Amino acid sequence: MTDYLLKSLCYDGQVRVYTIDATEAVAEAQRRHETWSASSAALGRTMIGALLLGATLKGEEKMTVKVEGDGPVGHIIVDSNGKGEVKGYIANPKVNLPLNEAGKLDVRGAVGTEGSLTVTKDLGMKEAFSGQVPLVSGELGEDFTYYMANSEQTPSAIGLSVLVDTDDSIKAAGGFMIQVMPGATEETITGLEKQLAEIPMISQLMENGEKPEEILNRLVGEGNANILEKMPITFKCDCSKDRFARAIIALGAKEIDEMIVEDQGAEASCHFCGNHYHYSVADLEALKAEANS
């Protein structure tokens, strides 16, 4: 298991902590979308945030995270679920910015500071649950933290970190989510705040070989965590030729006929993974017959 997420309860159930290594999943997205450094960091952080929130769901439940800022990368959309699967895309993958004042990738500059973060959860009910908050930072970790406090009334601390190599490939990607449970003592909260203030960048620790278990110990101290689950994380897209075919049928027979006459076929490509699907004239004739039936 290369990428995985640890779910744990700490300090006798006073705090829930998730720590994650999502390096391969973010690297897969970087390869598929050919993102440049600033876009890679923005997309990667959103994917990690969506995975951390998605880990609170059950199996087939899923969620979509949409970041819409006024920065050059445009909107970012990421889907995740309760099984640790994730896919995502970014409107402008080719953004490279000078490093910020701290000498780090300028995610705030890429995402922008005006806009919104929206989380839509499909819990298998009639209506999807949706919550939206304004962007408070553009760095994304603070934005996800603000979302948890305001939309879900859960005091949390979320850290998201992506380390991009000079050739734009992903060296390390990971993060954590700490949720304070009702009844947590002041002593526990103060101790956590101290640990958070001192912890180095997560992706730097991971590049140095640290796993989610070691990062968990850094956050809560040795012996204070009870690990409940180790969940594999994967980049997974559920697109298929059949799925796109259903979308073509929904366009109606007249539109399909125009594709046949004008283009002698059709090409569909998936935003999330970049896979292409070709439909010949014969394919389209069959889909037109279905649209007419």
C-alpha atoms as a PDB file:
ATOM      1  CA  MET A   1       0.000   0.000   0.000  1.00  0.00           C
ATOM      2  CA  THR A   2       1.725   3.171  -1.132  1.00  0.00           C
ATOM      3  CA  ASP A   3      -0.919   5.835  -0.496  1.00  0.00           C
ATOM      4  CA  TYR A   4      -3.066   5.466   2.598  1.00  0.00           C
ATOM      5  CA  LEU A   5      -5.011   7.338   5.232  1.00  0.00           C
ATOM      6  CA  LEU A   6      -4.960   6.596   8.962  1.00  0.00           C
ATOM      7  CA  LYS A   7      -8.063   7.164  11.064  1.00  0.00           C
ATOM      8  CA  SER A   8      -7.340   7.475  14.764  1.00  0.00           C
ATOM      9  CA  LEU A   9      -8.846   8.572  18.062  1.00  0.00           C
ATOM     10  CA  CYS A  10      -6.428  10.291  20.409  1.00  0.00           C
ATOM     11  CA  TYR A  11      -6.255  11.310  24.069  1.00  0.00           C
ATOM     12  CA  ASP A  12      -8.921   8.730  25.074  1.00  0.00           C
ATOM     13  CA  GLY A  13     -11.364   9.838  22.389  1.00  0.00           C
ATOM     14  CA  GLN A  14     -11.065  13.600  22.943  1.00  0.00           C
ATOM     15  CA  VAL A  15      -9.674  14.167  19.453  1.00  0.00           C
ATOM     16  CA  ARG A  16     -10.108  12.512  16.045  1.00  0.00           C
ATOM     17  CA  VAL A  17      -7.051  12.671  13.786  1.00  0.00           C
ATOM     18  CA  TYR A  18      -6.682  11.619  10.146  1.00  0.00           C
ATOM     19  CA  THR A  19      -3.222  11.596   8.555  1.00  0.00           C
ATOM     20  CA  ILE A  20      -2.690  10.872   4.873  1.00  0.00           C
ATOM     21  CA  ASP A  21      -0.050  10.099   2.267  1.00  0.00           C
ATOM     22  CA  ALA A  22      -1.585  10.884  -1.137  1.00  0.00           C
ATOM     23  CA  THR A  23       1.655  11.194  -3.134  1.00  0.00           C
ATOM     24  CA  GLU A  24       0.795   8.651  -5.839  1.00  0.00           C
ATOM     25  CA  ALA A  25      -2.784   9.889  -6.306  1.00  0.00           C
ATOM     26  CA  VAL A  26      -1.634  13.505  -6.718  1.00  0.00           C
ATOM     27  CA  ALA A  27       1.243  12.391  -8.982  1.00  0.00           C
ATOM     28  CA  GLU A  28      -1.258  10.510 -11.173  1.00  0.00           C
ATOM     29  CA  ALA A  29      -3.387  13.668 -11.506  1.00  0.00           C
ATOM     30  CA  GLN A  30      -0.262  15.719 -12.302  1.00  0.00           C
ATOM     31  CA  ARG A  31       0.739  13.272 -15.071  1.00  0.00           C
ATOM     32  CA  ARG A  32      -2.741  13.112 -16.582  1.00  0.00           C
ATOM     33  CA  HIS A  33      -3.307  16.877 -16.609  1.00  0.00           C
ATOM     34  CA  GLU A  34       0.366  17.810 -17.192  1.00  0.00           C
ATOM     35  CA  THR A  35       0.075  20.499 -14.532  1.00  0.00           C
ATOM     36  CA  TRP A  36       2.811  23.045 -13.887  1.00  0.00           C
ATOM     37  CA  SER A  37       4.062  23.692 -10.359  1.00  0.00           C
ATOM     38  CA  ALA A  38       1.503  26.211  -9.015  1.00  0.00           C
ATOM     39  CA  SER A  39      -1.407  24.315 -10.603  1.00  0.00           C
ATOM     40  CA  SER A  40      -0.014  21.011  -9.255  1.00  0.00           C
ATOM     41  CA  ALA A  41       0.106  22.385  -5.713  1.00  0.00           C
ATOM     42  CA  ALA A  42      -3.409  23.875  -5.916  1.00  0.00           C
ATOM     43  CA  LEU A  43      -4.971  20.741  -7.418  1.00  0.00           C
ATOM     44  CA  GLY A  44      -2.988  18.464  -5.075  1.00  0.00           C
ATOM     45  CA  ARG A  45      -4.021  20.353  -1.937  1.00  0.00           C
ATOM     46  CA  THR A  46      -7.676  20.275  -3.010  1.00  0.00           C
ATOM     47  CA  MET A  47      -7.427  16.500  -3.625  1.00  0.00           C
ATOM     48  CA  ILE A  48      -5.895  15.919  -0.172  1.00  0.00           C
ATOM     49  CA  GLY A  49      -8.588  18.075   1.458  1.00  0.00           C
ATOM     50  CA  ALA A  50     -11.329  16.191  -0.392  1.00  0.00           C
ATOM     51  CA  LEU A  51      -9.835  12.841   0.672  1.00  0.00           C
ATOM     52  CA  LEU A  52      -9.686  13.914   4.329  1.00  0.00           C
ATOM     53  CA  LEU A  53     -13.320  15.061   4.247  1.00  0.00           C
ATOM     54  CA  GLY A  54     -14.307  12.028   2.176  1.00  0.00           C
ATOM     55  CA  ALA A  55     -12.876   9.729   4.843  1.00  0.00           C
ATOM     56  CA  THR A  56     -15.716  10.833   7.141  1.00  0.00           C
ATOM     57  CA  LEU A  57     -18.215   9.270   4.700  1.00  0.00           C
ATOM     58  CA  LYS A  58     -19.332   5.643   4.485  1.00  0.00           C
ATOM     59  CA  GLY A  59     -18.421   3.345   1.543  1.00  0.00           C
ATOM     60  CA  GLU A  60     -20.591   4.360  -1.418  1.00  0.00           C
ATOM     61  CA  GLU A  61     -21.254   7.909  -0.180  1.00  0.00           C
ATOM     62  CA  LYS A  62     -19.399  10.527  -2.212  1.00  0.00           C
ATOM     63  CA  MET A  63     -18.643  14.214  -2.292  1.00  0.00           C
ATOM     64  CA  THR A  64     -17.567  16.923  -4.697  1.00  0.00           C
ATOM     65  CA  VAL A  65     -15.336  19.800  -3.646  1.00  0.00           C
ATOM     66  CA  LYS A  66     -15.315  22.883  -5.858  1.00  0.00           C
ATOM     67  CA  VAL A  67     -12.846  25.734  -5.374  1.00  0.00           C
ATOM     68  CA  GLU A  68     -13.674  28.856  -7.374  1.00  0.00           C
ATOM     69  CA  GLY A  69     -11.155  31.644  -6.858  1.00  0.00           C
ATOM     70  CA  ASP A  70     -10.141  34.729  -8.814  1.00  0.00           C
ATOM     71  CA  GLY A  71      -6.594  33.457  -9.431  1.00  0.00           C
ATOM     72  CA  PRO A  72      -5.124  32.262 -12.748  1.00  0.00           C
ATOM     73  CA  VAL A  73      -5.753  28.515 -12.185  1.00  0.00           C
ATOM     74  CA  GLY A  74      -9.525  29.055 -12.417  1.00  0.00           C
ATOM     75  CA  HIS A  75     -11.881  26.544 -10.828  1.00  0.00           C
ATOM     76  CA  ILE A  76     -10.819  23.218  -9.310  1.00  0.00           C
ATOM     77  CA  ILE A  77     -13.227  20.277  -8.985  1.00  0.00           C
ATOM     78  CA  VAL A  78     -12.433  17.120  -7.022  1.00  0.00           C
ATOM     79  CA  ASP A  79     -14.602  14.055  -6.342  1.00  0.00           C
ATOM     80  CA  SER A  80     -13.888  11.688  -3.447  1.00  0.00           C
ATOM     81  CA  ASN A  81     -15.773   8.993  -1.542  1.00  0.00           C
ATOM     82  CA  GLY A  82     -15.760   6.911   1.625  1.00  0.00           C
ATOM     83  CA  LYS A  83     -13.493   4.299  -0.007  1.00  0.00           C
ATOM     84  CA  GLY A  84     -10.467   6.546  -0.464  1.00  0.00           C
ATOM     85  CA  GLU A  85     -10.946   7.059  -4.202  1.00  0.00           C
ATOM     86  CA  VAL A  86     -10.311  10.487  -5.722  1.00  0.00           C
ATOM     87  CA  LYS A  87     -10.282  12.243  -9.091  1.00  0.00           C
ATOM     88  CA  GLY A  88      -9.907  15.901  -9.905  1.00  0.00           C
ATOM     89  CA  TYR A  89      -9.208  18.529 -12.518  1.00  0.00           C
ATOM     90  CA  ILE A  90      -8.160  22.145 -12.702  1.00  0.00           C
ATOM     91  CA  ALA A  91      -9.399  24.650 -15.290  1.00  0.00           C
ATOM     92  CA  ASN A  92      -5.918  25.978 -16.121  1.00  0.00           C
ATOM     93  CA  PRO A  93      -3.217  23.341 -15.558  1.00  0.00           C
ATOM     94  CA  LYS A  94      -0.413  25.497 -16.984  1.00  0.00           C
ATOM     95  CA  VAL A  95       0.257  27.988 -14.160  1.00  0.00           C
ATOM     96  CA  ASN A  96       3.751  28.601 -12.852  1.00  0.00           C
ATOM     97  CA  LEU A  97       4.331  31.521 -10.446  1.00  0.00           C
ATOM     98  CA  PRO A  98       7.379  32.938  -8.653  1.00  0.00           C
ATOM     99  CA  LEU A  99       7.822  31.584  -5.112  1.00  0.00           C
ATOM    100  CA  ASN A 100       6.060  33.517  -2.337  1.00  0.00           C
ATOM    101  CA  GLU A 101       7.756  35.534   0.458  1.00  0.00           C
ATOM    102  CA  ALA A 102       8.326  32.315   2.431  1.00  0.00           C
ATOM    103  CA  GLY A 103      10.126  30.735  -0.533  1.00  0.00           C
ATOM    104  CA  LYS A 104       7.231  28.299  -1.114  1.00  0.00           C
ATOM    105  CA  LEU A 105       4.930  27.650  -4.070  1.00  0.00           C
ATOM    106  CA  ASP A 106       2.451  30.521  -4.282  1.00  0.00           C
ATOM    107  CA  VAL A 107      -0.828  28.617  -3.950  1.00  0.00           C
ATOM    108  CA  ARG A 108      -2.669  31.723  -2.742  1.00  0.00           C
ATOM    109  CA  GLY A 109      -1.525  33.590  -5.863  1.00  0.00           C
ATOM    110  CA  ALA A 110      -2.638  30.673  -8.059  1.00  0.00           C
ATOM    111  CA  VAL A 111      -6.067  30.157  -6.452  1.00  0.00           C
ATOM    112  CA  GLY A 112      -6.843  33.766  -5.538  1.00  0.00           C
ATOM    113  CA  THR A 113      -8.360  35.166  -2.351  1.00  0.00           C
ATOM    114  CA  GLU A 114     -11.830  36.115  -3.619  1.00  0.00           C
ATOM    115  CA  GLY A 115     -14.237  33.281  -4.280  1.00  0.00           C
ATOM    116  CA  SER A 116     -15.750  30.244  -2.634  1.00  0.00           C
ATOM    117  CA  LEU A 117     -15.220  26.659  -1.497  1.00  0.00           C
ATOM    118  CA  THR A 118     -18.272  24.430  -1.964  1.00  0.00           C
ATOM    119  CA  VAL A 119     -18.715  20.874  -0.673  1.00  0.00           C
ATOM    120  CA  THR A 120     -21.605  18.788  -2.013  1.00  0.00           C
ATOM    121  CA  LYS A 121     -22.249  15.403  -0.385  1.00  0.00           C
ATOM    122  CA  ASP A 122     -24.247  12.625  -2.026  1.00  0.00           C
ATOM    123  CA  LEU A 123     -25.291  10.444   0.915  1.00  0.00           C
ATOM    124  CA  GLY A 124     -27.714   8.322  -1.099  1.00  0.00           C
ATOM    125  CA  MET A 125     -30.716  10.420  -0.018  1.00  0.00           C
ATOM    126  CA  LYS A 126     -33.135  12.270  -2.312  1.00  0.00           C
ATOM    127  CA  GLU A 127     -31.360  15.582  -1.776  1.00  0.00           C
ATOM    128  CA  ALA A 128     -27.602  16.161  -1.763  1.00  0.00           C
ATOM    129  CA  PHE A 129     -26.200  18.164   1.152  1.00  0.00           C
ATOM    130  CA  SER A 130     -24.306  21.263   0.073  1.00  0.00           C
ATOM    131  CA  GLY A 131     -22.290  23.792   2.089  1.00  0.00           C
ATOM    132  CA  GLN A 132     -20.395  26.836   0.818  1.00  0.00           C
ATOM    133  CA  VAL A 133     -17.984  29.273   2.445  1.00  0.00           C
ATOM    134  CA  PRO A 134     -16.036  32.243   1.058  1.00  0.00           C
ATOM    135  CA  LEU A 135     -12.316  31.720   0.542  1.00  0.00           C
ATOM    136  CA  VAL A 136     -10.523  33.113   3.592  1.00  0.00           C
ATOM    137  CA  SER A 137      -6.938  32.517   2.491  1.00  0.00           C
ATOM    138  CA  GLY A 138      -6.508  30.832  -0.896  1.00  0.00           C
ATOM    139  CA  GLU A 139      -3.852  28.581   0.685  1.00  0.00           C
ATOM    140  CA  LEU A 140      -6.654  25.965   0.931  1.00  0.00           C
ATOM    141  CA  GLY A 141      -5.725  24.390   4.301  1.00  0.00           C
ATOM    142  CA  GLU A 142      -7.235  27.384   6.102  1.00  0.00           C
ATOM    143  CA  ASP A 143     -10.156  27.380   3.670  1.00  0.00           C
ATOM    144  CA  PHE A 144     -11.032  23.744   4.412  1.00  0.00           C
ATOM    145  CA  THR A 145     -10.626  24.475   8.159  1.00  0.00           C
ATOM    146  CA  TYR A 146     -13.010  27.433   7.833  1.00  0.00           C
ATOM    147  CA  TYR A 147     -15.507  25.249   5.940  1.00  0.00           C
ATOM    148  CA  MET A 148     -15.480  22.620   8.725  1.00  0.00           C
ATOM    149  CA  ALA A 149     -16.054  25.241  11.441  1.00  0.00           C
ATOM    150  CA  ASN A 150     -18.791  27.127   9.594  1.00  0.00           C
ATOM    151  CA  SER A 151     -20.666  24.566   7.496  1.00  0.00           C
ATOM    152  CA  GLU A 152     -20.251  21.500   9.684  1.00  0.00           C
ATOM    153  CA  GLN A 153     -19.802  23.195  13.083  1.00  0.00           C
ATOM    154  CA  THR A 154     -16.763  20.991  13.764  1.00  0.00           C
ATOM    155  CA  PRO A 155     -13.708  22.751  15.235  1.00  0.00           C
ATOM    156  CA  SER A 156     -10.855  21.376  13.122  1.00  0.00           C
ATOM    157  CA  ALA A 157      -7.312  21.998  11.974  1.00  0.00           C
ATOM    158  CA  ILE A 158      -6.487  20.898   8.433  1.00  0.00           C
ATOM    159  CA  GLY A 159      -2.996  20.850   6.940  1.00  0.00           C
ATOM    160  CA  LEU A 160      -2.424  20.231   3.211  1.00  0.00           C
ATOM    161  CA  SER A 161       1.009  19.985   1.651  1.00  0.00           C
ATOM    162  CA  VAL A 162       2.386  19.229  -1.839  1.00  0.00           C
ATOM    163  CA  LEU A 163       6.069  19.196  -2.751  1.00  0.00           C
ATOM    164  CA  VAL A 164       6.712  19.685  -6.478  1.00  0.00           C
ATOM    165  CA  ASP A 165      10.040  18.787  -8.118  1.00  0.00           C
ATOM    166  CA  THR A 166      11.857  21.038 -10.602  1.00  0.00           C
ATOM    167  CA  ASP A 167      10.431  18.989 -13.526  1.00  0.00           C
ATOM    168  CA  ASP A 168       6.858  19.569 -12.193  1.00  0.00           C
ATOM    169  CA  SER A 169       6.527  15.969 -10.961  1.00  0.00           C
ATOM    170  CA  ILE A 170       5.233  15.345  -7.425  1.00  0.00           C
ATOM    171  CA  LYS A 171       7.823  14.534  -4.763  1.00  0.00           C
ATOM    172  CA  ALA A 172       5.394  14.217  -1.840  1.00  0.00           C
ATOM    173  CA  ALA A 173       1.780  15.046  -1.019  1.00  0.00           C
ATOM    174  CA  GLY A 174      -0.054  14.598   2.250  1.00  0.00           C
ATOM    175  CA  GLY A 175      -1.733  16.226   5.182  1.00  0.00           C
ATOM    176  CA  PHE A 176      -3.847  15.862   8.296  1.00  0.00           C
ATOM    177  CA  MET A 177      -7.206  16.716   9.802  1.00  0.00           C
ATOM    178  CA  ILE A 178      -7.628  17.141  13.540  1.00  0.00           C
ATOM    179  CA  GLN A 179     -11.161  17.338  14.934  1.00  0.00           C
ATOM    180  CA  VAL A 180     -11.772  18.299  18.543  1.00  0.00           C
ATOM    181  CA  MET A 181     -14.595  16.195  20.025  1.00  0.00           C
ATOM    182  CA  PRO A 182     -17.138  17.525  22.539  1.00  0.00           C
ATOM    183  CA  GLY A 183     -15.671  17.263  26.044  1.00  0.00           C
ATOM    184  CA  ALA A 184     -12.025  17.758  25.035  1.00  0.00           C
ATOM    185  CA  THR A 185     -10.120  19.451  27.875  1.00  0.00           C
ATOM    186  CA  GLU A 186      -8.349  22.812  27.646  1.00  0.00           C
ATOM    187  CA  GLU A 187      -5.094  21.003  28.412  1.00  0.00           C
ATOM    188  CA  THR A 188      -5.542  18.721  25.386  1.00  0.00           C
ATOM    189  CA  ILE A 189      -6.425  21.637  23.085  1.00  0.00           C
ATOM    190  CA  THR A 190      -3.465  23.733  24.294  1.00  0.00           C
ATOM    191  CA  GLY A 191      -1.109  20.774  23.804  1.00  0.00           C
ATOM    192  CA  LEU A 192      -2.387  20.240  20.241  1.00  0.00           C
ATOM    193  CA  GLU A 193      -1.965  23.917  19.386  1.00  0.00           C
ATOM    194  CA  LYS A 194       1.639  23.750  20.578  1.00  0.00           C
ATOM    195  CA  GLN A 195       2.360  20.642  18.450  1.00  0.00           C
ATOM    196  CA  LEU A 196       0.721  22.273  15.398  1.00  0.00           C
ATOM    197  CA  ALA A 197       2.799  25.424  15.804  1.00  0.00           C
ATOM    198  CA  GLU A 198       6.010  23.387  15.809  1.00  0.00           C
ATOM    199  CA  ILE A 199       5.382  20.768  13.109  1.00  0.00           C
ATOM    200  CA  PRO A 200       7.430  21.209   9.902  1.00  0.00           C
ATOM    201  CA  MET A 201       5.812  21.093   6.449  1.00  0.00           C
ATOM    202  CA  ILE A 202       4.136  17.692   6.043  1.00  0.00           C
ATOM    203  CA  SER A 203       5.397  17.081   2.491  1.00  0.00           C
ATOM    204  CA  GLN A 204       8.956  17.849   3.672  1.00  0.00           C
ATOM    205  CA  LEU A 205       8.630  15.242   6.432  1.00  0.00           C
ATOM    206  CA  MET A 206       7.282  12.753   3.899  1.00  0.00           C
ATOM    207  CA  GLU A 207      10.127  13.434   1.495  1.00  0.00           C
ATOM    208  CA  ASN A 208      12.432  12.591   4.399  1.00  0.00           C
ATOM    209  CA  GLY A 209      10.700   9.210   4.675  1.00  0.00           C
ATOM    210  CA  GLU A 210       8.117   9.819   7.387  1.00  0.00           C
ATOM    211  CA  LYS A 211       4.850   7.897   7.110  1.00  0.00           C
ATOM    212  CA  PRO A 212       1.367   8.914   8.323  1.00  0.00           C
ATOM    213  CA  GLU A 213       2.062   6.979  11.573  1.00  0.00           C
ATOM    214  CA  GLU A 214       5.096   9.164  12.377  1.00  0.00           C
ATOM    215  CA  ILE A 215       3.249  12.341  11.452  1.00  0.00           C
ATOM    216  CA  LEU A 216       0.412  11.266  13.757  1.00  0.00           C
ATOM    217  CA  ASN A 217       2.921  10.870  16.610  1.00  0.00           C
ATOM    218  CA  ARG A 218       4.335  14.327  15.871  1.00  0.00           C
ATOM    219  CA  LEU A 219       0.819  15.789  16.104  1.00  0.00           C
ATOM    220  CA  VAL A 220      -0.367  14.083  19.290  1.00  0.00           C
ATOM    221  CA  GLY A 221       2.776  12.646  20.895  1.00  0.00           C
ATOM    222  CA  GLU A 222       3.870   8.992  21.206  1.00  0.00           C
ATOM    223  CA  GLY A 223       1.367   6.663  22.846  1.00  0.00           C
ATOM    224  CA  ASN A 224      -1.611   9.052  22.662  1.00  0.00           C
ATOM    225  CA  ALA A 225      -3.203   7.662  19.486  1.00  0.00           C
ATOM    226  CA  ASN A 226      -5.427   4.651  18.929  1.00  0.00           C
ATOM    227  CA  ILE A 227      -5.353   3.812  15.184  1.00  0.00           C
ATOM    228  CA  LEU A 228      -8.794   2.584  14.077  1.00  0.00           C
ATOM    229  CA  GLU A 229      -8.304   2.047  10.348  1.00  0.00           C
ATOM    230  CA  LYS A 230      -5.720   2.160   7.579  1.00  0.00           C
ATOM    231  CA  MET A 231      -7.503   2.979   4.316  1.00  0.00           C
ATOM    232  CA  PRO A 232      -5.863   2.731   0.870  1.00  0.00           C
ATOM    233  CA  ILE A 233      -5.995   5.885  -1.301  1.00  0.00           C
ATOM    234  CA  THR A 234      -6.212   5.721  -5.105  1.00  0.00           C
ATOM    235  CA  PHE A 235      -6.738   8.020  -8.063  1.00  0.00           C
ATOM    236  CA  LYS A 236      -9.757   6.449  -9.749  1.00  0.00           C
ATOM    237  CA  CYS A 237     -12.022   7.737 -12.498  1.00  0.00           C
ATOM    238  CA  ASP A 238     -15.358   6.033 -13.201  1.00  0.00           C
ATOM    239  CA  CYS A 239     -15.741   7.352 -16.745  1.00  0.00           C
ATOM    240  CA  SER A 240     -16.466   4.874 -19.569  1.00  0.00           C
ATOM    241  CA  LYS A 241     -17.564   4.785 -23.195  1.00  0.00           C
ATOM    242  CA  ASP A 242     -21.046   3.673 -22.057  1.00  0.00           C
ATOM    243  CA  ARG A 243     -21.325   6.559 -19.633  1.00  0.00           C
ATOM    244  CA  PHE A 244     -20.509   9.127 -22.300  1.00  0.00           C
ATOM    245  CA  ALA A 245     -22.891   7.299 -24.671  1.00  0.00           C
ATOM    246  CA  ARG A 246     -25.757   7.927 -22.223  1.00  0.00           C
ATOM    247  CA  ALA A 247     -24.857  11.631 -22.235  1.00  0.00           C
ATOM    248  CA  ILE A 248     -24.905  11.652 -26.055  1.00  0.00           C
ATOM    249  CA  ILE A 249     -28.355   9.963 -26.091  1.00  0.00           C
ATOM    250  CA  ALA A 250     -29.613  12.679 -23.715  1.00  0.00           C
ATOM    251  CA  LEU A 251     -28.699  15.315 -26.335  1.00  0.00           C
ATOM    252  CA  GLY A 252     -31.508  13.966 -28.540  1.00  0.00           C
ATOM    253  CA  ALA A 253     -31.732  12.503 -32.036  1.00  0.00           C
ATOM    254  CA  LYS A 254     -31.457  15.861 -33.847  1.00  0.00           C
ATOM    255  CA  GLU A 255     -28.090  16.713 -32.222  1.00  0.00           C
ATOM    256  CA  ILE A 256     -26.776  13.191 -32.853  1.00  0.00           C
ATOM    257  CA  ASP A 257     -27.803  13.453 -36.505  1.00  0.00           C
ATOM    258  CA  GLU A 258     -25.795  16.692 -36.816  1.00  0.00           C
ATOM    259  CA  MET A 259     -22.727  14.879 -35.423  1.00  0.00           C
ATOM    260  CA  ILE A 260     -23.166  12.151 -38.056  1.00  0.00           C
ATOM    261  CA  VAL A 261     -23.675  14.555 -40.990  1.00  0.00           C
ATOM    262  CA  GLU A 262     -21.161  17.250 -40.044  1.00  0.00           C
ATOM    263  CA  ASP A 263     -18.420  15.343 -38.216  1.00  0.00           C
ATOM    264  CA  GLN A 264     -18.805  11.723 -39.341  1.00  0.00           C
ATOM    265  CA  GLY A 265     -18.380  10.628 -35.750  1.00  0.00           C
ATOM    266  CA  ALA A 266     -17.748  12.053 -32.288  1.00  0.00           C
ATOM    267  CA  GLU A 267     -14.965  12.265 -29.747  1.00  0.00           C
ATOM    268  CA  ALA A 268     -15.560  12.601 -25.998  1.00  0.00           C
ATOM    269  CA  SER A 269     -12.847  13.263 -23.453  1.00  0.00           C
ATOM    270  CA  CYS A 270     -13.045  13.076 -19.679  1.00  0.00           C
ATOM    271  CA  HIS A 271     -12.173  16.235 -17.727  1.00  0.00           C
ATOM    272  CA  PHE A 272     -11.042  14.220 -14.722  1.00  0.00           C
ATOM    273  CA  CYS A 273      -8.651  11.669 -16.240  1.00  0.00           C
ATOM    274  CA  GLY A 274      -8.083  12.784 -19.839  1.00  0.00           C
ATOM    275  CA  ASN A 275      -9.281   9.482 -21.381  1.00  0.00           C
ATOM    276  CA  HIS A 276     -10.695   9.837 -24.918  1.00  0.00           C
ATOM    277  CA  TYR A 277     -13.614   7.871 -26.379  1.00  0.00           C
ATOM    278  CA  HIS A 278     -14.352   7.686 -30.106  1.00  0.00           C
ATOM    279  CA  TYR A 279     -17.830   7.089 -31.560  1.00  0.00           C
ATOM    280  CA  SER A 280     -18.036   6.003 -35.206  1.00  0.00           C
ATOM    281  CA  VAL A 281     -20.976   6.789 -37.484  1.00  0.00           C
ATOM    282  CA  ALA A 282     -22.326   3.286 -36.747  1.00  0.00           C
ATOM    283  CA  ASP A 283     -22.044   3.961 -32.976  1.00  0.00           C
ATOM    284  CA  LEU A 284     -23.911   7.235 -33.381  1.00  0.00           C
ATOM    285  CA  GLU A 285     -26.630   5.666 -35.548  1.00  0.00           C
ATOM    286  CA  ALA A 286     -27.256   3.137 -32.737  1.00  0.00           C
ATOM    287  CA  LEU A 287     -27.371   5.931 -30.134  1.00  0.00           C
ATOM    288  CA  LYS A 288     -29.748   7.951 -32.352  1.00  0.00           C
ATOM    289  CA  ALA A 289     -32.090   4.947 -32.571  1.00  0.00           C
ATOM    290  CA  GLU A 290     -32.053   4.770 -28.729  1.00  0.00           C
ATOM    291  CA  ALA A 291     -32.748   8.489 -28.463  1.00  0.00           C
ATOM    292  CA  ASN A 292     -35.755   8.029 -30.774  1.00  0.00           C
ATOM    293  CA  SER A 293     -37.153   5.035 -28.893  1.00  0.00           C
END
